[in-house]
Structures are given as structure tokens and as C-alpha cells.
Amino acid sequence: MKTRKPYLILIFLSLSVVFADTIPDPVPTEQAERDLRSTWSKKYPGETIISVTSAGDPGTLEKVDKKGKLIERKLKVPFQVVAEKSGTKREFEAGANYIQKGNQWKFSEIGIGDVKAVASESEKSPKKPVVKELVVKAFSEKYSDYTWSNVLIDDGTFNKGANGGFYRYEGDINRTDLEGQTIQCKDIDFMLVKDSSGNWVVDITSQGKCY
């Protein structure tokens, strides 16, 4: 019997190494969403989840010591979460996080990444062609010595301020002088806000670099 013990111990250790290196199948998205919703309601009781959508495939993160030995393995199931609090909707990059325990994933916490405000129906921006017309109007009024045209802008970023929702845009615009010479002004910066009458107007913050 004594001669067999080292052999049995060796087999046990070998199996332990193989077992520790085995990665379980990812947690099903449906289960991860249930875990996220349940924890969210407890952690953020003042917020109501409007929607939860998958944001890609699950990913693993491994923590090793100085010798390269695995210490911990985590799984993240990513989601986009829209939640509402006090009448304001926000979109979160969130994840249901798990830690490997044996040959299973055990839920540990929810992780929160980037957060952005979500525009309500009354705060949704006009279509891009309309925004471009407002840009030309604003530049023409502020810099009346030139003719402005050919506006190129990004999709804008929505945010909330003390006076309600607004958008920030960046882009380029063509400037033509009285002699007919046209140059492009790059990296213009402006805000799209509502005036006292509830109409969208452009507030120029930078004319950009014109050359």
C-alpha cells in the first residue's frame, strides 16, 4: 500500500492541474441578463431599467502570479443598459461579471463602463440636413463678411445641462470671401440648443482653423 500512495497522489495532482486549466462554457446570455437585472435593482434602487441588449460575445480575463501560475479567471458578459431615474434616461456600458469556481462560473458583480444621456422625444435633434442649414445661418450671422457653405459634421453628442438637453457637434465648413476665394475651415465646434421659443439654434464655440 505504501508504494501506491505517491502514485495516487501524482494522479490526483495531475488531474487538479488539468481541471484548473479547464474553462467552463460561457454563461448563457439569458441567465446573465437575469443576474444583471436582479443585482441592478438592489444596487441602484432609484433607477428603473428600460431595456437590456447584448453588446457582444462574453470575454475572459485571467490573473496570474509572477511565475505565470493562474490565480483567478473571470468572465464578462457585456450589455447595453438603458435606465431611467428622475425622468432622465441614461445608457450604460455594463457587464455581468463572473469568477470561475471549480468547473463553474459564479456571479460576482456588475461592472459599469461609459455612461451617456439619452434624449427624450422632445429632445431629439433635427435631421442632419436641417442642422447643416442652421450652421450656415449661424455662421452667416456671426461672420457676415463671408459666405458659408458645404458643411460637414459628425452625428453629434447629446448631453444634459441646467436648461435641458443639448448637442455638441464638430466638423468642417467652407468659407468664401468677397473676392470669391474659398477655403475650408476645419474642426469647427458648435452647440445645438433650444432658444426660449423652443426652436433649435446653433451656438458657435469655435470657427475652427481656416486655411
Foldseek 3Di string as FASTA:
>chain_A
DVVCVVVVVVVVVVVVVVQVPDAADDDDPVVLVVVQVVQCCVVPVQKDWPDKAFDDDKDKDFDADPVRHTDWMKIWGWIWIWIDGPRWIKIWTKTFMWTDDRNDTHTDHMDTDDMATDDDPLRDDDPPVVVQVLVQVVCCVVVVQWHKDDWDKDPWGWHADPVGIKTKIWTKIWIAGPVGDIWMFHTWIWMWDADPVSDTHIGTPGSHHTD
